Amino acid sequence: MSELQIILGNIIITIGVIFMMFGALGVFRFKTFYTRLLAVAKTDTVGALTIIIGLAVRQGLTFFTGKILLLAIILLMFNPLVSHILARSAYLSGYNEEEK
């Protein structure tokens, strides 16, 4: 494993962590449920994928990298789906932020 590969992996992981921190900041910054959900869902997906890609770069081409990339594909499919289901169920149940 080369030194450049480790440094590049650490930089990508750091970018992902910073992205996730912006998502956590979005929870406090936005006021309504739907804007909070949008901020967290987008940054969670992109931040987690960036961290996973950083781990794959750090590990090199191994069996572990294949498992990590499979996890990234599953995350890419299900994370937006779960966020959509959560927002749709809140909408269909009549949740309205303005009434509070």
N, C-alpha and C. Protein backbone atom coordinates (compact mmCIF):
# COMPACT_ATOMS: atom_id res chain seq x y z
N MET A 1 0.85 -1.17 0.00
CA MET A 1 0.00 0.00 0.00
C MET A 1 0.89 1.23 0.00
N SER A 2 0.69 2.09 -0.97
CA SER A 2 1.57 3.23 -1.10
C SER A 2 1.12 4.37 -0.18
N GLU A 3 2.07 5.23 0.09
CA GLU A 3 1.80 6.40 0.95
C GLU A 3 0.80 7.35 0.29
N LEU A 4 0.89 7.50 -1.03
CA LEU A 4 -0.04 8.37 -1.75
C LEU A 4 -1.47 7.84 -1.66
N GLN A 5 -1.63 6.55 -1.73
CA GLN A 5 -2.94 5.92 -1.63
C GLN A 5 -3.56 6.18 -0.25
N ILE A 6 -2.78 6.09 0.79
CA ILE A 6 -3.28 6.34 2.15
C ILE A 6 -3.65 7.81 2.32
N ILE A 7 -2.81 8.71 1.83
CA ILE A 7 -3.09 10.14 1.96
C ILE A 7 -4.34 10.51 1.16
N LEU A 8 -4.47 10.01 -0.06
CA LEU A 8 -5.64 10.29 -0.88
C LEU A 8 -6.91 9.74 -0.24
N GLY A 9 -6.83 8.54 0.31
CA GLY A 9 -7.98 7.95 1.01
C GLY A 9 -8.38 8.77 2.22
N ASN A 10 -7.38 9.26 2.99
CA ASN A 10 -7.69 10.08 4.16
C ASN A 10 -8.32 11.41 3.76
N ILE A 11 -7.87 12.00 2.67
CA ILE A 11 -8.46 13.26 2.20
C ILE A 11 -9.92 13.05 1.79
N ILE A 12 -10.19 11.97 1.08
CA ILE A 12 -11.56 11.68 0.65
C ILE A 12 -12.46 11.40 1.86
N ILE A 13 -11.95 10.67 2.84
CA ILE A 13 -12.72 10.40 4.05
C ILE A 13 -13.00 11.70 4.81
N THR A 14 -12.02 12.59 4.88
CA THR A 14 -12.21 13.87 5.56
C THR A 14 -13.27 14.72 4.85
N ILE A 15 -13.28 14.70 3.53
CA ILE A 15 -14.31 15.42 2.78
C ILE A 15 -15.69 14.86 3.11
N GLY A 16 -15.79 13.55 3.20
CA GLY A 16 -17.07 12.92 3.55
C GLY A 16 -17.54 13.28 4.94
N VAL A 17 -16.61 13.32 5.89
CA VAL A 17 -16.97 13.70 7.26
C VAL A 17 -17.42 15.15 7.32
N ILE A 18 -16.75 16.03 6.60
CA ILE A 18 -17.15 17.44 6.56
C ILE A 18 -18.53 17.57 5.94
N PHE A 19 -18.80 16.80 4.90
CA PHE A 19 -20.12 16.82 4.27
C PHE A 19 -21.19 16.38 5.26
N MET A 20 -20.90 15.34 6.05
CA MET A 20 -21.86 14.87 7.04
C MET A 20 -22.06 15.90 8.15
N MET A 21 -21.03 16.64 8.49
CA MET A 21 -21.17 17.69 9.50
C MET A 21 -22.07 18.81 8.99
N PHE A 22 -22.00 19.13 7.70
CA PHE A 22 -22.91 20.12 7.12
C PHE A 22 -24.35 19.62 7.19
N GLY A 23 -24.56 18.33 7.04
CA GLY A 23 -25.90 17.78 7.18
C GLY A 23 -26.42 17.90 8.59
N ALA A 24 -25.55 17.67 9.56
CA ALA A 24 -25.96 17.85 10.96
C ALA A 24 -26.26 19.31 11.25
N LEU A 25 -25.51 20.19 10.64
CA LEU A 25 -25.78 21.63 10.80
C LEU A 25 -27.11 22.00 10.16
N GLY A 26 -27.48 21.33 9.09
CA GLY A 26 -28.75 21.59 8.44
C GLY A 26 -29.95 21.27 9.32
N VAL A 27 -29.79 20.30 10.22
CA VAL A 27 -30.87 19.98 11.15
C VAL A 27 -31.17 21.17 12.05
N PHE A 28 -30.14 21.87 12.48
CA PHE A 28 -30.33 23.02 13.35
C PHE A 28 -30.64 24.29 12.57
N ARG A 29 -30.21 24.38 11.35
CA ARG A 29 -30.37 25.59 10.56
C ARG A 29 -31.77 25.75 10.01
N PHE A 30 -32.34 24.67 9.49
CA PHE A 30 -33.66 24.74 8.87
C PHE A 30 -34.74 24.56 9.92
N LYS A 31 -35.92 25.11 9.63
CA LYS A 31 -36.98 25.15 10.63
C LYS A 31 -38.05 24.08 10.45
N THR A 32 -38.38 23.72 9.21
CA THR A 32 -39.48 22.78 9.00
C THR A 32 -38.95 21.36 8.84
N PHE A 33 -39.87 20.43 9.04
CA PHE A 33 -39.52 19.01 8.96
C PHE A 33 -39.03 18.63 7.57
N TYR A 34 -39.70 19.12 6.55
CA TYR A 34 -39.38 18.71 5.18
C TYR A 34 -38.03 19.27 4.71
N THR A 35 -37.70 20.49 5.09
CA THR A 35 -36.39 21.03 4.72
C THR A 35 -35.27 20.34 5.50
N ARG A 36 -35.54 20.00 6.74
CA ARG A 36 -34.55 19.25 7.52
C ARG A 36 -34.32 17.87 6.92
N LEU A 37 -35.40 17.22 6.53
CA LEU A 37 -35.28 15.90 5.92
C LEU A 37 -34.50 15.97 4.61
N LEU A 38 -34.75 16.99 3.81
CA LEU A 38 -34.03 17.15 2.55
C LEU A 38 -32.53 17.35 2.79
N ALA A 39 -32.20 18.22 3.75
CA ALA A 39 -30.79 18.50 4.03
C ALA A 39 -30.07 17.26 4.54
N VAL A 40 -30.70 16.54 5.44
CA VAL A 40 -30.06 15.36 6.02
C VAL A 40 -29.97 14.22 5.01
N ALA A 41 -31.01 14.02 4.23
CA ALA A 41 -31.02 12.91 3.28
C ALA A 41 -29.94 13.07 2.21
N LYS A 42 -29.81 14.27 1.68
CA LYS A 42 -28.82 14.48 0.62
C LYS A 42 -27.40 14.39 1.16
N THR A 43 -27.15 15.07 2.27
CA THR A 43 -25.78 15.06 2.79
C THR A 43 -25.41 13.70 3.37
N ASP A 44 -26.39 12.98 3.90
CA ASP A 44 -26.11 11.65 4.43
C ASP A 44 -25.71 10.70 3.31
N THR A 45 -26.43 10.75 2.21
CA THR A 45 -26.11 9.87 1.09
C THR A 45 -24.74 10.20 0.50
N VAL A 46 -24.52 11.46 0.20
CA VAL A 46 -23.26 11.86 -0.43
C VAL A 46 -22.09 11.69 0.54
N GLY A 47 -22.29 12.06 1.80
CA GLY A 47 -21.21 11.93 2.79
C GLY A 47 -20.83 10.48 3.04
N ALA A 48 -21.82 9.62 3.18
CA ALA A 48 -21.52 8.20 3.41
C ALA A 48 -20.85 7.57 2.20
N LEU A 49 -21.32 7.93 1.00
CA LEU A 49 -20.68 7.39 -0.21
C LEU A 49 -19.24 7.88 -0.33
N THR A 50 -19.00 9.12 0.02
CA THR A 50 -17.63 9.65 -0.04
C THR A 50 -16.72 8.94 0.95
N ILE A 51 -17.23 8.69 2.15
CA ILE A 51 -16.44 7.96 3.15
C ILE A 51 -16.16 6.54 2.68
N ILE A 52 -17.15 5.89 2.10
CA ILE A 52 -16.97 4.52 1.60
C ILE A 52 -15.96 4.49 0.45
N ILE A 53 -16.03 5.46 -0.44
CA ILE A 53 -15.06 5.53 -1.54
C ILE A 53 -13.66 5.78 -0.99
N GLY A 54 -13.56 6.64 0.02
CA GLY A 54 -12.26 6.88 0.66
C GLY A 54 -11.68 5.62 1.29
N LEU A 55 -12.54 4.82 1.92
CA LEU A 55 -12.08 3.56 2.50
C LEU A 55 -11.62 2.58 1.40
N ALA A 56 -12.35 2.57 0.28
CA ALA A 56 -11.97 1.69 -0.83
C ALA A 56 -10.64 2.11 -1.42
N VAL A 57 -10.41 3.41 -1.54
CA VAL A 57 -9.13 3.89 -2.07
C VAL A 57 -8.00 3.53 -1.11
N ARG A 58 -8.25 3.67 0.17
CA ARG A 58 -7.22 3.35 1.18
C ARG A 58 -6.85 1.89 1.19
N GLN A 59 -7.83 1.00 0.98
CA GLN A 59 -7.57 -0.43 1.05
C GLN A 59 -6.92 -1.00 -0.20
N GLY A 60 -7.14 -0.34 -1.32
CA GLY A 60 -6.61 -0.89 -2.57
C GLY A 60 -7.58 -1.89 -3.15
N LEU A 61 -7.12 -2.69 -4.07
CA LEU A 61 -7.97 -3.66 -4.76
C LEU A 61 -7.91 -5.00 -4.01
N THR A 62 -8.86 -5.18 -3.08
CA THR A 62 -8.92 -6.41 -2.29
C THR A 62 -10.36 -6.90 -2.26
N PHE A 63 -10.56 -8.03 -1.61
CA PHE A 63 -11.91 -8.56 -1.42
C PHE A 63 -12.72 -7.62 -0.53
N PHE A 64 -12.08 -7.01 0.44
CA PHE A 64 -12.73 -6.04 1.33
C PHE A 64 -13.27 -4.86 0.54
N THR A 65 -12.55 -4.41 -0.46
CA THR A 65 -13.01 -3.30 -1.30
C THR A 65 -14.27 -3.69 -2.07
N GLY A 66 -14.34 -4.90 -2.52
CA GLY A 66 -15.55 -5.37 -3.21
C GLY A 66 -16.77 -5.34 -2.29
N LYS A 67 -16.56 -5.75 -1.04
CA LYS A 67 -17.67 -5.71 -0.08
C LYS A 67 -18.06 -4.27 0.23
N ILE A 68 -17.10 -3.39 0.33
CA ILE A 68 -17.38 -1.98 0.60
C ILE A 68 -18.15 -1.36 -0.57
N LEU A 69 -17.75 -1.66 -1.78
CA LEU A 69 -18.45 -1.11 -2.94
C LEU A 69 -19.85 -1.68 -3.08
N LEU A 70 -20.05 -2.93 -2.69
CA LEU A 70 -21.40 -3.49 -2.66
C LEU A 70 -22.26 -2.76 -1.62
N LEU A 71 -21.68 -2.42 -0.49
CA LEU A 71 -22.37 -1.64 0.52
C LEU A 71 -22.72 -0.25 -0.02
N ALA A 72 -21.83 0.34 -0.81
CA ALA A 72 -22.10 1.66 -1.40
C ALA A 72 -23.26 1.59 -2.37
N ILE A 73 -23.36 0.53 -3.15
CA ILE A 73 -24.46 0.38 -4.09
C ILE A 73 -25.78 0.23 -3.34
N ILE A 74 -25.77 -0.57 -2.27
CA ILE A 74 -26.97 -0.75 -1.46
C ILE A 74 -27.37 0.58 -0.82
N LEU A 75 -26.40 1.31 -0.30
CA LEU A 75 -26.68 2.61 0.31
C LEU A 75 -27.24 3.59 -0.72
N LEU A 76 -26.69 3.58 -1.90
CA LEU A 76 -27.14 4.48 -2.96
C LEU A 76 -28.58 4.17 -3.38
N MET A 77 -28.98 2.92 -3.30
CA MET A 77 -30.35 2.57 -3.66
C MET A 77 -31.34 2.85 -2.54
N PHE A 78 -30.99 2.49 -1.30
CA PHE A 78 -31.98 2.51 -0.24
C PHE A 78 -32.05 3.80 0.56
N ASN A 79 -31.00 4.57 0.65
CA ASN A 79 -31.04 5.79 1.45
C ASN A 79 -32.02 6.82 0.87
N PRO A 80 -32.00 7.13 -0.42
CA PRO A 80 -33.02 8.04 -0.95
C PRO A 80 -34.43 7.45 -0.88
N LEU A 81 -34.53 6.14 -1.02
CA LEU A 81 -35.84 5.49 -0.95
C LEU A 81 -36.45 5.64 0.45
N VAL A 82 -35.66 5.42 1.47
CA VAL A 82 -36.15 5.55 2.84
C VAL A 82 -36.51 7.00 3.16
N SER A 83 -35.73 7.94 2.68
CA SER A 83 -36.05 9.36 2.90
C SER A 83 -37.36 9.73 2.21
N HIS A 84 -37.56 9.21 1.02
CA HIS A 84 -38.80 9.48 0.30
C HIS A 84 -39.99 8.86 1.04
N ILE A 85 -39.84 7.65 1.53
CA ILE A 85 -40.92 6.99 2.26
C ILE A 85 -41.25 7.76 3.53
N LEU A 86 -40.26 8.25 4.22
CA LEU A 86 -40.48 9.03 5.44
C LEU A 86 -41.23 10.32 5.14
N ALA A 87 -40.82 11.04 4.11
CA ALA A 87 -41.49 12.29 3.75
C ALA A 87 -42.91 12.02 3.25
N ARG A 88 -43.09 10.99 2.47
CA ARG A 88 -44.43 10.69 1.94
C ARG A 88 -45.37 10.26 3.06
N SER A 89 -44.88 9.48 4.01
CA SER A 89 -45.76 9.06 5.09
C SER A 89 -46.14 10.25 5.97
N ALA A 90 -45.22 11.19 6.17
CA ALA A 90 -45.55 12.40 6.93
C ALA A 90 -46.58 13.23 6.18
N TYR A 91 -46.44 13.32 4.87
CA TYR A 91 -47.38 14.09 4.06
C TYR A 91 -48.77 13.44 4.05
N LEU A 92 -48.81 12.13 3.85
CA LEU A 92 -50.09 11.44 3.78
C LEU A 92 -50.80 11.37 5.13
N SER A 93 -50.05 11.40 6.21
CA SER A 93 -50.67 11.38 7.53
C SER A 93 -51.19 12.76 7.93
N GLY A 94 -50.92 13.76 7.11
CA GLY A 94 -51.44 15.09 7.37
C GLY A 94 -50.54 15.94 8.23
N TYR A 95 -49.29 15.56 8.33
CA TYR A 95 -48.36 16.36 9.13
C TYR A 95 -48.16 17.71 8.47
N ASN A 96 -48.45 18.77 9.22
CA ASN A 96 -48.30 20.12 8.68
C ASN A 96 -47.57 20.96 9.71
N GLU A 97 -46.41 21.44 9.33
CA GLU A 97 -45.55 22.18 10.24
C GLU A 97 -46.14 23.55 10.60
N GLU A 98 -46.93 24.14 9.71
CA GLU A 98 -47.44 25.47 9.94
C GLU A 98 -48.50 25.53 11.03
N GLU A 99 -49.14 24.41 11.35
CA GLU A 99 -50.18 24.40 12.36
C GLU A 99 -49.63 24.49 13.77
N LYS A 100 -48.37 24.27 13.95
CA LYS A 100 -47.78 24.22 15.30
C LYS A 100 -47.33 25.56 15.77
